[in-house]
Amino acid sequence: MRLTEISYGTAKPIEGYGPGFFRVGGHVLRGPCLITPWGAGLWGGFDDTAGPLSLVGRIDVLLLGMGAEIGHAPLPFRSALEESGIGIEVMSSPAACRTYNVLLSEGRRIAVALIPV
Protein backbone atom coordinates (compact mmCIF):
# COMPACT_ATOMS: atom_id res chain seq x y z
CA MET A 1 0.00 0.00 0.00
CA ARG A 2 1.26 3.44 -0.89
CA LEU A 3 0.52 6.28 1.53
CA THR A 4 0.63 9.87 0.38
CA GLU A 5 0.86 12.80 2.75
CA ILE A 6 -1.97 15.29 2.26
CA SER A 7 -0.91 18.83 1.46
CA TYR A 8 -3.15 21.83 1.98
CA GLY A 9 -0.66 24.43 0.76
CA THR A 10 -1.21 27.64 2.73
CA ALA A 11 -4.85 26.74 3.53
CA LYS A 12 -5.79 25.59 7.02
CA PRO A 13 -7.83 22.36 7.35
CA ILE A 14 -10.33 21.72 10.11
CA GLU A 15 -8.29 19.95 12.79
CA GLY A 16 -11.10 18.95 15.09
CA TYR A 17 -14.52 19.68 16.53
CA GLY A 18 -16.55 18.93 19.62
CA PRO A 19 -19.57 20.14 21.55
CA GLY A 20 -19.89 23.82 20.62
CA PHE A 21 -16.47 24.33 18.96
CA PHE A 22 -14.29 23.83 15.88
CA ARG A 23 -10.46 23.90 15.77
CA VAL A 24 -8.80 25.45 12.69
CA GLY A 25 -5.14 26.40 12.37
CA GLY A 26 -4.55 25.84 16.07
CA HIS A 27 -7.36 28.24 17.06
CA VAL A 28 -10.62 27.24 18.69
CA LEU A 29 -13.80 28.85 17.35
CA ARG A 30 -16.84 28.58 19.62
CA GLY A 31 -20.26 28.69 17.99
CA PRO A 32 -21.27 28.82 14.33
CA CYS A 33 -18.35 29.58 12.03
CA LEU A 34 -17.45 30.22 8.41
CA ILE A 35 -14.22 28.62 7.19
CA THR A 36 -12.52 29.33 3.86
CA PRO A 37 -9.12 28.34 2.47
CA TRP A 38 -7.81 31.79 3.47
CA GLY A 39 -9.43 32.29 6.87
CA ALA A 40 -11.83 31.21 9.58
CA GLY A 41 -14.11 33.17 11.86
CA LEU A 42 -17.41 33.25 13.65
CA TRP A 43 -20.60 33.33 11.60
CA GLY A 44 -23.98 34.77 12.56
CA GLY A 45 -25.97 31.70 11.49
CA PHE A 46 -28.76 31.58 8.93
CA ASP A 47 -29.70 35.23 9.41
CA ASP A 48 -26.20 36.18 8.27
CA THR A 49 -26.01 35.88 4.49
CA ALA A 50 -23.42 38.69 4.26
CA GLY A 51 -20.54 36.41 5.25
CA PRO A 52 -21.20 33.71 2.65
CA LEU A 53 -22.24 36.26 -0.01
CA SER A 54 -18.87 37.99 0.42
CA LEU A 55 -17.39 34.84 -1.14
CA VAL A 56 -19.09 35.31 -4.53
CA GLY A 57 -16.51 34.77 -7.26
CA ARG A 58 -14.08 33.13 -4.84
CA ILE A 59 -15.90 29.83 -4.24
CA ASP A 60 -18.17 27.55 -6.24
CA VAL A 61 -19.77 25.61 -3.39
CA LEU A 62 -20.60 26.27 0.24
CA LEU A 63 -20.77 23.16 2.40
CA LEU A 64 -23.39 23.70 5.09
CA GLY A 65 -22.97 21.74 8.32
CA MET A 66 -26.30 21.64 10.13
CA GLY A 67 -25.04 20.34 13.50
CA ALA A 68 -25.28 16.73 14.64
CA GLU A 69 -28.04 15.84 12.16
CA ILE A 70 -28.85 16.75 8.58
CA GLY A 71 -31.56 19.38 8.23
CA HIS A 72 -32.88 21.73 5.60
CA ALA A 73 -31.32 25.13 5.03
CA PRO A 74 -33.86 27.92 5.51
CA LEU A 75 -35.27 28.93 2.12
CA PRO A 76 -34.27 32.64 2.32
CA PHE A 77 -30.67 31.67 3.11
CA ARG A 78 -30.51 29.04 0.36
CA SER A 79 -32.17 31.31 -2.21
CA ALA A 80 -29.81 34.23 -1.53
CA LEU A 81 -26.76 32.06 -2.10
CA GLU A 82 -28.07 30.19 -5.12
CA GLU A 83 -29.18 33.45 -6.79
CA SER A 84 -25.63 34.74 -6.35
CA GLY A 85 -24.19 31.66 -8.07
CA ILE A 86 -22.95 29.79 -4.99
CA GLY A 87 -24.04 26.16 -4.80
CA ILE A 88 -24.96 24.68 -1.42
CA GLU A 89 -24.40 21.14 -0.16
CA VAL A 90 -26.21 20.41 3.12
CA MET A 91 -24.95 17.72 5.51
CA SER A 92 -24.22 17.14 9.19
CA SER A 93 -21.37 19.22 10.60
CA PRO A 94 -19.05 16.21 11.12
CA ALA A 95 -19.56 15.18 7.47
CA ALA A 96 -19.06 18.80 6.33
CA CYS A 97 -15.73 19.00 8.21
CA ARG A 98 -14.44 15.80 6.58
CA THR A 99 -15.71 16.79 3.12
CA TYR A 100 -14.18 20.27 3.42
CA ASN A 101 -10.75 18.82 4.24
CA VAL A 102 -10.85 16.37 1.31
CA LEU A 103 -11.96 19.03 -1.19
CA LEU A 104 -9.47 21.52 0.25
CA SER A 105 -6.63 19.03 -0.35
CA GLU A 106 -7.78 18.80 -3.98
CA GLY A 107 -7.55 22.58 -4.38
CA ARG A 108 -11.29 23.08 -4.88
CA ARG A 109 -12.96 26.50 -4.57
CA ILE A 110 -15.01 25.80 -1.45
CA ALA A 111 -15.96 27.13 1.96
CA VAL A 112 -17.90 25.64 4.86
CA ALA A 113 -20.46 27.22 7.20
CA LEU A 114 -20.86 25.16 10.36
CA ILE A 115 -23.40 24.93 13.15
CA PRO A 116 -21.76 23.22 16.18
CA VAL A 117 -22.68 19.72 17.27
C-alpha atoms as a PDB file:
ATOM      1  CA  MET A   1       0.000   0.000   0.000  1.00  0.00           C
ATOM      2  CA  ARG A   2       1.262   3.440  -0.886  1.00  0.00           C
ATOM      3  CA  LEU A   3       0.518   6.277   1.530  1.00  0.00           C
ATOM      4  CA  THR A   4       0.631   9.866   0.377  1.00  0.00           C
ATOM      5  CA  GLU A   5       0.859  12.799   2.746  1.00  0.00           C
ATOM      6  CA  ILE A   6      -1.966  15.291   2.263  1.00  0.00           C
ATOM      7  CA  SER A   7      -0.905  18.830   1.462  1.00  0.00           C
ATOM      8  CA  TYR A   8      -3.146  21.832   1.978  1.00  0.00           C
ATOM      9  CA  GLY A   9      -0.657  24.429   0.763  1.00  0.00           C
ATOM     10  CA  THR A  10      -1.213  27.635   2.731  1.00  0.00           C
ATOM     11  CA  ALA A  11      -4.847  26.744   3.526  1.00  0.00           C
ATOM     12  CA  LYS A  12      -5.792  25.586   7.021  1.00  0.00           C
ATOM     13  CA  PRO A  13      -7.825  22.362   7.349  1.00  0.00           C
ATOM     14  CA  ILE A  14     -10.334  21.724  10.112  1.00  0.00           C
ATOM     15  CA  GLU A  15      -8.285  19.954  12.786  1.00  0.00           C
ATOM     16  CA  GLY A  16     -11.097  18.947  15.086  1.00  0.00           C
ATOM     17  CA  TYR A  17     -14.519  19.678  16.529  1.00  0.00           C
ATOM     18  CA  GLY A  18     -16.553  18.929  19.616  1.00  0.00           C
ATOM     19  CA  PRO A  19     -19.569  20.140  21.548  1.00  0.00           C
ATOM     20  CA  GLY A  20     -19.889  23.816  20.617  1.00  0.00           C
ATOM     21  CA  PHE A  21     -16.474  24.326  18.958  1.00  0.00           C
ATOM     22  CA  PHE A  22     -14.289  23.826  15.885  1.00  0.00           C
ATOM     23  CA  ARG A  23     -10.461  23.905  15.770  1.00  0.00           C
ATOM     24  CA  VAL A  24      -8.802  25.447  12.688  1.00  0.00           C
ATOM     25  CA  GLY A  25      -5.138  26.400  12.371  1.00  0.00           C
ATOM     26  CA  GLY A  26      -4.545  25.840  16.070  1.00  0.00           C
ATOM     27  CA  HIS A  27      -7.359  28.244  17.058  1.00  0.00           C
ATOM     28  CA  VAL A  28     -10.617  27.242  18.695  1.00  0.00           C
ATOM     29  CA  LEU A  29     -13.797  28.850  17.350  1.00  0.00           C
ATOM     30  CA  ARG A  30     -16.838  28.581  19.622  1.00  0.00           C
ATOM     31  CA  GLY A  31     -20.258  28.687  17.994  1.00  0.00           C
ATOM     32  CA  PRO A  32     -21.273  28.824  14.328  1.00  0.00           C
ATOM     33  CA  CYS A  33     -18.347  29.583  12.025  1.00  0.00           C
ATOM     34  CA  LEU A  34     -17.455  30.223   8.406  1.00  0.00           C
ATOM     35  CA  ILE A  35     -14.225  28.620   7.185  1.00  0.00           C
ATOM     36  CA  THR A  36     -12.521  29.332   3.865  1.00  0.00           C
ATOM     37  CA  PRO A  37      -9.120  28.337   2.473  1.00  0.00           C
ATOM     38  CA  TRP A  38      -7.812  31.789   3.467  1.00  0.00           C
ATOM     39  CA  GLY A  39      -9.432  32.285   6.871  1.00  0.00           C
ATOM     40  CA  ALA A  40     -11.832  31.211   9.580  1.00  0.00           C
ATOM     41  CA  GLY A  41     -14.114  33.166  11.858  1.00  0.00           C
ATOM     42  CA  LEU A  42     -17.407  33.249  13.655  1.00  0.00           C
ATOM     43  CA  TRP A  43     -20.595  33.330  11.596  1.00  0.00           C
ATOM     44  CA  GLY A  44     -23.985  34.773  12.563  1.00  0.00           C
ATOM     45  CA  GLY A  45     -25.974  31.704  11.485  1.00  0.00           C
ATOM     46  CA  PHE A  46     -28.759  31.577   8.934  1.00  0.00           C
ATOM     47  CA  ASP A  47     -29.703  35.229   9.407  1.00  0.00           C
ATOM     48  CA  ASP A  48     -26.195  36.180   8.270  1.00  0.00           C
ATOM     49  CA  THR A  49     -26.012  35.879   4.490  1.00  0.00           C
ATOM     50  CA  ALA A  50     -23.423  38.686   4.260  1.00  0.00           C
ATOM     51  CA  GLY A  51     -20.538  36.410   5.246  1.00  0.00           C
ATOM     52  CA  PRO A  52     -21.198  33.707   2.651  1.00  0.00           C
ATOM     53  CA  LEU A  53     -22.240  36.264  -0.007  1.00  0.00           C
ATOM     54  CA  SER A  54     -18.868  37.994   0.416  1.00  0.00           C
ATOM     55  CA  LEU A  55     -17.390  34.839  -1.141  1.00  0.00           C
ATOM     56  CA  VAL A  56     -19.093  35.307  -4.533  1.00  0.00           C
ATOM     57  CA  GLY A  57     -16.515  34.766  -7.259  1.00  0.00           C
ATOM     58  CA  ARG A  58     -14.084  33.134  -4.839  1.00  0.00           C
ATOM     59  CA  ILE A  59     -15.902  29.830  -4.243  1.00  0.00           C
ATOM     60  CA  ASP A  60     -18.167  27.553  -6.245  1.00  0.00           C
ATOM     61  CA  VAL A  61     -19.765  25.607  -3.395  1.00  0.00           C
ATOM     62  CA  LEU A  62     -20.603  26.268   0.243  1.00  0.00           C
ATOM     63  CA  LEU A  63     -20.772  23.164   2.400  1.00  0.00           C
ATOM     64  CA  LEU A  64     -23.387  23.702   5.086  1.00  0.00           C
ATOM     65  CA  GLY A  65     -22.967  21.737   8.316  1.00  0.00           C
ATOM     66  CA  MET A  66     -26.302  21.638  10.132  1.00  0.00           C
ATOM     67  CA  GLY A  67     -25.043  20.341  13.503  1.00  0.00           C
ATOM     68  CA  ALA A  68     -25.285  16.727  14.640  1.00  0.00           C
ATOM     69  CA  GLU A  69     -28.037  15.842  12.162  1.00  0.00           C
ATOM     70  CA  ILE A  70     -28.852  16.746   8.580  1.00  0.00           C
ATOM     71  CA  GLY A  71     -31.559  19.384   8.230  1.00  0.00           C
ATOM     72  CA  HIS A  72     -32.884  21.733   5.596  1.00  0.00           C
ATOM     73  CA  ALA A  73     -31.319  25.126   5.027  1.00  0.00           C
ATOM     74  CA  PRO A  74     -33.860  27.924   5.511  1.00  0.00           C
ATOM     75  CA  LEU A  75     -35.265  28.934   2.125  1.00  0.00           C
ATOM     76  CA  PRO A  76     -34.272  32.645   2.316  1.00  0.00           C
ATOM     77  CA  PHE A  77     -30.666  31.666   3.106  1.00  0.00           C
ATOM     78  CA  ARG A  78     -30.507  29.037   0.363  1.00  0.00           C
ATOM     79  CA  SER A  79     -32.168  31.309  -2.213  1.00  0.00           C
ATOM     80  CA  ALA A  80     -29.813  34.226  -1.529  1.00  0.00           C
ATOM     81  CA  LEU A  81     -26.757  32.059  -2.098  1.00  0.00           C
ATOM     82  CA  GLU A  82     -28.073  30.188  -5.120  1.00  0.00           C
ATOM     83  CA  GLU A  83     -29.182  33.447  -6.790  1.00  0.00           C
ATOM     84  CA  SER A  84     -25.627  34.743  -6.347  1.00  0.00           C
ATOM     85  CA  GLY A  85     -24.190  31.657  -8.071  1.00  0.00           C
ATOM     86  CA  ILE A  86     -22.946  29.794  -4.992  1.00  0.00           C
ATOM     87  CA  GLY A  87     -24.043  26.159  -4.799  1.00  0.00           C
ATOM     88  CA  ILE A  88     -24.962  24.676  -1.417  1.00  0.00           C
ATOM     89  CA  GLU A  89     -24.399  21.138  -0.159  1.00  0.00           C
ATOM     90  CA  VAL A  90     -26.205  20.412   3.116  1.00  0.00           C
ATOM     91  CA  MET A  91     -24.950  17.722   5.510  1.00  0.00           C
ATOM     92  CA  SER A  92     -24.221  17.144   9.186  1.00  0.00           C
ATOM     93  CA  SER A  93     -21.366  19.223  10.605  1.00  0.00           C
ATOM     94  CA  PRO A  94     -19.049  16.206  11.125  1.00  0.00           C
ATOM     95  CA  ALA A  95     -19.563  15.183   7.466  1.00  0.00           C
ATOM     96  CA  ALA A  96     -19.062  18.797   6.328  1.00  0.00           C
ATOM     97  CA  CYS A  97     -15.727  19.002   8.206  1.00  0.00           C
ATOM     98  CA  ARG A  98     -14.445  15.803   6.575  1.00  0.00           C
ATOM     99  CA  THR A  99     -15.707  16.792   3.117  1.00  0.00           C
ATOM    100  CA  TYR A 100     -14.179  20.266   3.422  1.00  0.00           C
ATOM    101  CA  ASN A 101     -10.752  18.821   4.243  1.00  0.00           C
ATOM    102  CA  VAL A 102     -10.852  16.374   1.310  1.00  0.00           C
ATOM    103  CA  LEU A 103     -11.960  19.029  -1.192  1.00  0.00           C
ATOM    104  CA  LEU A 104      -9.469  21.520   0.249  1.00  0.00           C
ATOM    105  CA  SER A 105      -6.631  19.034  -0.349  1.00  0.00           C
ATOM    106  CA  GLU A 106      -7.782  18.796  -3.980  1.00  0.00           C
ATOM    107  CA  GLY A 107      -7.547  22.583  -4.384  1.00  0.00           C
ATOM    108  CA  ARG A 108     -11.291  23.077  -4.880  1.00  0.00           C
ATOM    109  CA  ARG A 109     -12.960  26.502  -4.567  1.00  0.00           C
ATOM    110  CA  ILE A 110     -15.012  25.803  -1.449  1.00  0.00           C
ATOM    111  CA  ALA A 111     -15.964  27.126   1.956  1.00  0.00           C
ATOM    112  CA  VAL A 112     -17.896  25.642   4.856  1.00  0.00           C
ATOM    113  CA  ALA A 113     -20.463  27.222   7.204  1.00  0.00           C
ATOM    114  CA  LEU A 114     -20.864  25.156  10.355  1.00  0.00           C
ATOM    115  CA  ILE A 115     -23.402  24.930  13.149  1.00  0.00           C
ATOM    116  CA  PRO A 116     -21.760  23.224  16.184  1.00  0.00           C
ATOM    117  CA  VAL A 117     -22.680  19.719  17.272  1.00  0.00           C
END
